[in-house]
N, C-alpha and C. Protein backbone atom coordinates (compact mmCIF):
# COMPACT_ATOMS: atom_id res chain seq x y z
N MET A 1 110.47 108.07 43.06
CA MET A 1 111.48 107.12 43.39
C MET A 1 111.16 106.60 44.97
N THR A 2 111.10 105.36 45.33
CA THR A 2 110.69 104.51 46.25
C THR A 2 111.60 104.88 47.50
N MET A 3 110.86 105.24 48.55
CA MET A 3 111.20 105.79 49.64
C MET A 3 111.34 104.91 50.66
N PHE A 4 110.67 103.43 50.22
CA PHE A 4 110.80 102.32 51.32
C PHE A 4 110.92 101.26 50.49
N GLU A 5 111.79 100.31 51.28
CA GLU A 5 111.97 99.00 50.56
C GLU A 5 111.87 97.62 51.40
N VAL A 6 111.40 96.62 51.20
CA VAL A 6 111.63 95.39 51.99
C VAL A 6 112.81 94.96 52.08
N LEU A 7 113.82 94.44 53.09
CA LEU A 7 114.63 93.94 53.14
C LEU A 7 115.06 92.44 52.66
N PRO A 8 115.67 91.88 52.13
CA PRO A 8 116.02 90.63 51.84
C PRO A 8 116.00 90.02 53.05
N GLU A 9 116.11 90.22 54.38
CA GLU A 9 116.25 89.68 55.46
C GLU A 9 115.03 89.35 56.05
N SER A 10 114.01 89.57 55.34
CA SER A 10 112.60 89.73 56.06
C SER A 10 112.13 88.27 55.63
N GLY A 11 111.47 87.81 56.79
CA GLY A 11 110.87 86.15 56.65
C GLY A 11 109.36 86.18 57.45
N PRO A 12 109.33 84.79 57.70
CA PRO A 12 107.84 84.79 58.19
C PRO A 12 107.87 85.49 60.02
N ASP A 13 109.09 85.17 60.48
CA ASP A 13 108.97 85.83 61.67
C ASP A 13 109.54 87.21 61.81
N LEU A 14 109.96 87.70 60.94
CA LEU A 14 110.81 89.25 61.18
C LEU A 14 110.32 90.00 59.88
N LEU A 15 109.64 90.96 59.62
CA LEU A 15 109.47 91.83 58.81
C LEU A 15 110.62 92.89 58.90
N ALA A 16 111.40 93.46 57.91
CA ALA A 16 112.46 94.35 57.71
C ALA A 16 112.11 95.17 56.48
N ILE A 17 112.13 96.29 56.94
CA ILE A 17 112.10 97.44 56.01
C ILE A 17 112.97 98.57 56.08
N ARG A 18 113.37 99.37 55.25
CA ARG A 18 114.27 100.60 55.31
C ARG A 18 113.45 101.47 54.64
N VAL A 19 113.31 103.00 55.46
CA VAL A 19 112.60 103.94 54.87
C VAL A 19 113.63 104.91 54.92
N ARG A 20 113.73 106.12 53.86
CA ARG A 20 114.67 106.90 53.61
C ARG A 20 113.97 108.21 52.78
N GLY A 21 114.93 109.38 53.15
CA GLY A 21 114.01 110.54 52.31
C GLY A 21 112.76 110.61 53.08
N ARG A 22 111.71 111.10 52.14
CA ARG A 22 110.46 111.65 52.56
C ARG A 22 109.53 110.45 52.10
N LEU A 23 108.61 110.05 52.99
CA LEU A 23 107.48 109.12 52.55
C LEU A 23 106.20 110.10 52.02
N SER A 24 105.65 109.32 51.14
CA SER A 24 104.76 110.05 50.36
C SER A 24 103.42 108.98 50.80
N ARG A 25 102.42 109.64 49.98
CA ARG A 25 101.13 108.90 50.21
C ARG A 25 101.27 107.67 49.33
N GLU A 26 101.99 107.49 48.22
CA GLU A 26 102.44 106.72 47.25
C GLU A 26 103.07 105.38 48.12
N ASP A 27 104.10 105.61 48.73
CA ASP A 27 104.74 104.68 49.38
C ASP A 27 103.77 103.88 50.59
N TYR A 28 102.93 104.60 50.62
CA TYR A 28 101.97 104.27 52.15
C TYR A 28 100.82 103.07 50.99
N ALA A 29 100.51 103.60 49.89
CA ALA A 29 99.44 102.76 49.06
C ALA A 29 100.19 101.58 48.66
N ARG A 30 101.91 101.33 48.76
CA ARG A 30 102.60 99.85 48.77
C ARG A 30 102.73 99.25 49.62
N LEU A 31 103.24 100.26 50.90
CA LEU A 31 103.50 99.71 52.15
C LEU A 31 102.06 99.12 52.79
N ASN A 32 101.28 99.64 52.87
CA ASN A 32 100.01 99.12 53.38
C ASN A 32 99.67 97.58 53.13
N PRO A 33 99.41 97.37 51.72
CA PRO A 33 98.98 96.28 51.18
C PRO A 33 100.02 94.93 51.59
N TRP A 34 101.23 95.15 51.49
CA TRP A 34 102.38 94.10 51.57
C TRP A 34 102.12 94.04 52.92
N LEU A 35 102.00 94.77 54.28
CA LEU A 35 102.09 94.80 55.56
C LEU A 35 100.95 93.75 56.04
N ASP A 36 99.86 94.11 55.38
CA ASP A 36 98.39 93.66 55.69
C ASP A 36 98.69 92.12 55.09
N GLU A 37 98.99 91.89 53.87
CA GLU A 37 99.51 90.24 53.48
C GLU A 37 99.99 89.61 54.26
N GLU A 38 101.43 90.33 54.75
CA GLU A 38 102.36 89.52 55.64
C GLU A 38 101.63 89.33 57.04
N LEU A 39 101.09 90.19 57.89
CA LEU A 39 100.02 89.89 58.84
C LEU A 39 99.39 88.82 58.74
N VAL A 40 98.50 88.77 57.69
CA VAL A 40 97.26 87.23 57.64
C VAL A 40 98.24 86.10 57.57
N ARG A 41 99.44 86.09 57.11
CA ARG A 41 100.22 84.89 56.86
C ARG A 41 100.93 84.66 58.08
N ASN A 42 101.35 85.57 58.70
CA ASN A 42 102.06 85.34 59.92
C ASN A 42 101.82 86.20 60.95
N PRO A 43 100.73 85.98 62.05
CA PRO A 43 100.66 86.92 62.97
C PRO A 43 101.46 87.15 64.09
N ARG A 44 101.57 88.38 64.22
CA ARG A 44 102.14 88.98 65.07
C ARG A 44 104.22 88.60 65.53
N PRO A 45 104.28 88.87 63.83
CA PRO A 45 105.74 88.98 63.79
C PRO A 45 106.57 89.92 64.24
N ALA A 46 107.85 90.01 64.47
CA ALA A 46 108.62 91.16 64.82
C ALA A 46 108.73 92.02 63.87
N MET A 47 109.58 93.29 63.85
CA MET A 47 109.45 94.04 62.73
C MET A 47 110.87 94.89 63.05
N LEU A 48 111.75 94.93 62.10
CA LEU A 48 112.65 96.30 62.14
C LEU A 48 112.38 96.73 60.87
N VAL A 49 112.42 98.31 61.77
CA VAL A 49 112.51 99.43 60.55
C VAL A 49 113.76 100.11 60.29
N ASP A 50 114.22 100.25 59.44
CA ASP A 50 115.97 100.92 59.49
C ASP A 50 115.66 102.49 58.83
N MET A 51 115.41 103.15 59.49
CA MET A 51 115.15 104.92 59.69
C MET A 51 115.95 105.45 59.38
N ARG A 52 117.51 105.13 59.43
CA ARG A 52 118.57 106.04 58.98
C ARG A 52 118.20 106.38 57.79
N GLY A 53 118.41 107.71 57.51
CA GLY A 53 118.28 108.81 56.58
C GLY A 53 116.80 109.06 56.01
N PHE A 54 116.04 108.65 57.26
CA PHE A 54 114.61 109.12 57.05
C PHE A 54 114.47 110.54 57.14
N GLU A 55 113.85 111.22 56.52
CA GLU A 55 113.60 113.00 56.61
C GLU A 55 112.13 113.17 57.22
N GLY A 56 110.88 112.39 57.03
CA GLY A 56 110.08 113.06 57.54
C GLY A 56 108.75 112.26 56.42
N PHE A 57 107.84 113.21 55.94
CA PHE A 57 106.46 112.90 55.08
C PHE A 57 106.56 113.97 54.32
N GLU A 58 106.03 113.64 52.87
CA GLU A 58 105.61 114.47 51.95
C GLU A 58 104.18 114.96 52.09
N GLY A 59 104.21 115.85 53.25
CA GLY A 59 102.85 116.52 53.36
C GLY A 59 101.76 115.93 54.40
N PRO A 60 101.02 116.75 54.90
CA PRO A 60 100.04 116.17 56.11
C PRO A 60 99.57 114.80 55.47
N GLY A 61 99.28 114.50 54.40
CA GLY A 61 98.56 113.52 54.03
C GLY A 61 99.14 112.11 53.86
N ALA A 62 100.29 112.19 53.77
CA ALA A 62 101.46 111.07 54.18
C ALA A 62 101.46 110.80 55.50
N LEU A 63 101.59 112.00 56.17
CA LEU A 63 101.43 111.51 57.97
C LEU A 63 100.21 110.97 58.59
N LEU A 64 99.27 111.46 57.75
CA LEU A 64 97.96 111.05 58.58
C LEU A 64 98.09 109.36 58.02
N ASP A 65 98.57 109.23 56.84
CA ASP A 65 98.55 107.75 56.43
C ASP A 65 99.61 106.86 57.51
N ASP A 66 100.60 107.23 57.90
CA ASP A 66 101.27 106.68 58.76
C ASP A 66 100.72 106.39 59.92
N MET A 67 99.81 107.59 60.55
CA MET A 67 98.99 107.31 62.04
C MET A 67 97.94 106.54 61.62
N ARG A 68 97.26 106.37 60.24
CA ARG A 68 96.15 105.40 60.41
C ARG A 68 96.75 103.79 60.46
N SER A 69 97.84 103.98 59.50
CA SER A 69 98.43 102.46 59.53
C SER A 69 98.91 102.04 60.91
N GLY A 70 99.74 102.87 61.81
CA GLY A 70 99.86 102.69 63.51
C GLY A 70 98.81 102.37 64.17
N VAL A 71 97.52 102.72 63.64
CA VAL A 71 96.27 102.56 64.59
C VAL A 71 95.64 101.30 64.16
N ARG A 72 95.42 100.82 62.79
CA ARG A 72 95.11 99.92 62.39
C ARG A 72 96.00 98.66 62.52
N HIS A 73 97.46 98.73 63.23
CA HIS A 73 98.11 97.46 63.29
C HIS A 73 98.72 97.49 64.67
N TRP A 74 98.25 98.66 65.44
CA TRP A 74 98.57 98.73 66.81
C TRP A 74 98.99 97.58 67.91
N ASN A 75 98.11 96.02 67.41
CA ASN A 75 98.42 95.30 68.22
C ASN A 75 98.83 94.17 67.41
N ASP A 76 99.28 94.23 65.86
CA ASP A 76 99.66 93.21 65.24
C ASP A 76 101.04 92.94 65.39
N LEU A 77 101.86 93.36 65.79
CA LEU A 77 103.23 93.13 65.94
C LEU A 77 103.79 92.57 67.46
N GLY A 78 104.82 91.63 67.28
CA GLY A 78 105.27 90.99 68.78
C GLY A 78 106.16 91.99 69.18
N ARG A 79 107.26 92.55 68.32
CA ARG A 79 108.06 93.84 68.96
C ARG A 79 108.40 94.40 67.70
N MET A 80 109.03 95.50 68.13
CA MET A 80 109.38 96.12 66.95
C MET A 80 110.50 96.88 67.30
N ALA A 81 111.78 96.90 66.16
CA ALA A 81 112.97 97.47 66.75
C ALA A 81 113.20 98.83 65.59
N LEU A 82 113.23 99.88 65.65
CA LEU A 82 113.53 100.91 65.22
C LEU A 82 114.79 101.67 65.13
N LEU A 83 115.38 101.26 64.00
CA LEU A 83 116.78 101.76 63.96
C LEU A 83 116.90 103.14 63.35
N GLY A 84 117.52 104.32 63.81
CA GLY A 84 117.40 105.61 63.24
C GLY A 84 118.72 106.62 63.73
N ASP A 85 118.61 107.55 62.88
CA ASP A 85 119.30 108.47 63.42
C ASP A 85 119.45 109.90 63.84
N HIS A 86 117.89 109.94 64.29
CA HIS A 86 117.66 111.33 64.60
C HIS A 86 116.88 111.08 66.15
N PRO A 87 117.47 111.99 67.10
CA PRO A 87 117.04 112.45 68.27
C PRO A 87 115.46 111.95 68.69
N TRP A 88 114.75 112.95 67.36
CA TRP A 88 113.38 112.87 67.54
C TRP A 88 112.50 111.39 67.38
N VAL A 89 113.21 110.52 66.48
CA VAL A 89 112.48 109.32 66.76
C VAL A 89 112.70 108.43 68.11
N ALA A 90 114.02 108.61 68.72
CA ALA A 90 114.01 108.13 69.96
C ALA A 90 113.01 108.69 70.96
N TRP A 91 112.48 110.07 70.85
CA TRP A 91 111.62 110.45 71.48
C TRP A 91 110.24 110.04 71.25
N MET A 92 109.87 110.07 70.32
CA MET A 92 108.53 109.47 69.85
C MET A 92 108.25 108.01 70.07
N VAL A 93 109.63 107.30 70.17
CA VAL A 93 109.23 105.87 70.80
C VAL A 93 109.13 105.66 72.39
N SER A 94 109.67 106.81 73.03
CA SER A 94 109.70 106.70 74.33
C SER A 94 108.06 107.41 74.54
N LEU A 95 107.61 107.67 73.80
CA LEU A 95 106.09 108.22 73.77
C LEU A 95 105.20 107.42 73.79
N VAL A 96 105.35 106.55 72.56
CA VAL A 96 104.12 105.40 72.15
C VAL A 96 104.69 104.09 72.99
N ALA A 97 105.74 103.72 73.16
CA ALA A 97 105.97 102.23 73.70
C ALA A 97 105.06 101.84 74.82
N PRO A 98 104.85 102.76 75.66
CA PRO A 98 104.22 102.29 76.87
C PRO A 98 102.47 101.79 76.66
N LEU A 99 101.94 102.63 75.40
CA LEU A 99 100.74 102.55 74.85
C LEU A 99 100.56 101.16 73.96
N MET A 100 101.73 100.29 73.40
CA MET A 100 101.31 99.50 72.56
C MET A 100 101.63 98.14 73.08
N ARG A 101 101.47 97.30 72.42
CA ARG A 101 101.20 95.63 72.98
C ARG A 101 102.39 95.37 72.60
N ALA A 102 102.75 95.67 71.47
CA ALA A 102 104.30 95.41 71.04
C ALA A 102 105.24 95.76 72.03
N GLU A 103 106.16 95.00 71.95
CA GLU A 103 107.58 95.58 72.68
C GLU A 103 108.16 96.53 71.60
N ILE A 104 108.94 97.71 72.21
CA ILE A 104 109.10 98.38 70.75
C ILE A 104 110.57 99.20 71.60
N ARG A 105 111.29 99.01 70.63
CA ARG A 105 112.53 99.72 71.33
C ARG A 105 113.43 100.48 69.92
N TYR A 106 114.33 101.52 70.48
CA TYR A 106 114.96 102.11 69.38
C TYR A 106 116.33 102.07 69.71
N PHE A 107 117.12 101.66 68.43
CA PHE A 107 118.60 101.83 68.26
C PHE A 107 119.21 102.99 67.78
N GLY A 108 119.98 103.36 68.07
CA GLY A 108 120.90 104.12 67.33
C GLY A 108 121.63 103.88 66.26
N PRO A 109 122.17 104.62 65.27
CA PRO A 109 122.86 104.51 64.20
C PRO A 109 123.80 103.54 64.27
N ASP A 110 124.76 103.25 65.51
CA ASP A 110 125.48 102.48 65.58
C ASP A 110 125.27 101.37 66.41
N GLN A 111 124.23 101.00 66.46
CA GLN A 111 123.55 99.75 66.90
C GLN A 111 122.67 98.62 66.30
N GLN A 112 123.44 98.94 65.12
CA GLN A 112 122.50 97.77 63.84
C GLN A 112 122.49 96.40 64.43
N GLU A 113 123.49 96.03 64.64
CA GLU A 113 123.86 94.30 65.10
C GLU A 113 122.65 94.35 66.40
N ALA A 114 122.88 95.22 67.27
CA ALA A 114 121.95 95.24 68.46
C ALA A 114 120.22 95.27 68.01
N ALA A 115 120.22 95.97 67.11
CA ALA A 115 118.99 95.71 66.37
C ALA A 115 118.25 94.89 66.07
N TRP A 116 119.12 94.11 65.25
CA TRP A 116 118.86 92.95 64.55
C TRP A 116 118.98 91.83 65.36
N ALA A 117 119.85 91.75 66.52
CA ALA A 117 119.62 90.59 67.46
C ALA A 117 118.43 90.80 68.24
N TRP A 118 117.97 92.10 68.50
CA TRP A 118 116.90 92.12 69.70
C TRP A 118 115.78 91.57 68.55
N ALA A 119 115.51 91.93 67.61
CA ALA A 119 114.21 91.87 66.79
C ALA A 119 114.02 90.46 66.18
N ARG A 120 115.07 89.95 66.09
CA ARG A 120 114.89 88.56 66.16
C ARG A 120 114.83 87.16 67.21
N GLN A 121 115.14 88.01 68.55
CA GLN A 121 114.68 87.04 69.32
C GLN A 121 113.07 86.71 69.60
N VAL A 122 112.91 85.70 70.22
CA VAL A 122 111.61 84.80 69.95
C VAL A 122 110.57 85.31 70.77
N ARG A 123 109.80 85.94 70.88
CA ARG A 123 108.66 86.70 71.89
C ARG A 123 107.81 85.88 72.29
N ALA A 124 107.40 85.05 73.59
CA ALA A 124 106.54 84.41 74.28
C ALA A 124 105.19 84.77 73.52
N ALA A 125 104.61 83.87 73.35
CA ALA A 125 102.95 84.08 72.93
C ALA A 125 102.26 84.73 74.23
N PRO A 126 101.32 85.97 73.81
CA PRO A 126 100.89 86.92 74.74
C PRO A 126 99.58 85.81 75.33
């Protein structure tokens, strides 16, 4: 069963995905090529990741794939909105935000409209 999906609101300036349940290595095998292709076509888009219902990773291999993807695309996004329902996601965002080139912000489960509005704001070129 697919644990991530590209949302219909995705477009050239805003990549939007939903992740639920536990992400597997197979999920990353599908997600990474899609993300690579989008970033070639549209450099430094915003991204919204709806993580409500995300439960973690199916083993250390999937977690390692997530970390590799993050490192590979460390500077490729203009801004990233994470919409979640777990305090640990907010904590992780607070740790990595100062290290990223992209603006990154966490939004709680009742802040969906604010997350979309913030992600859709045009970011000035670096």
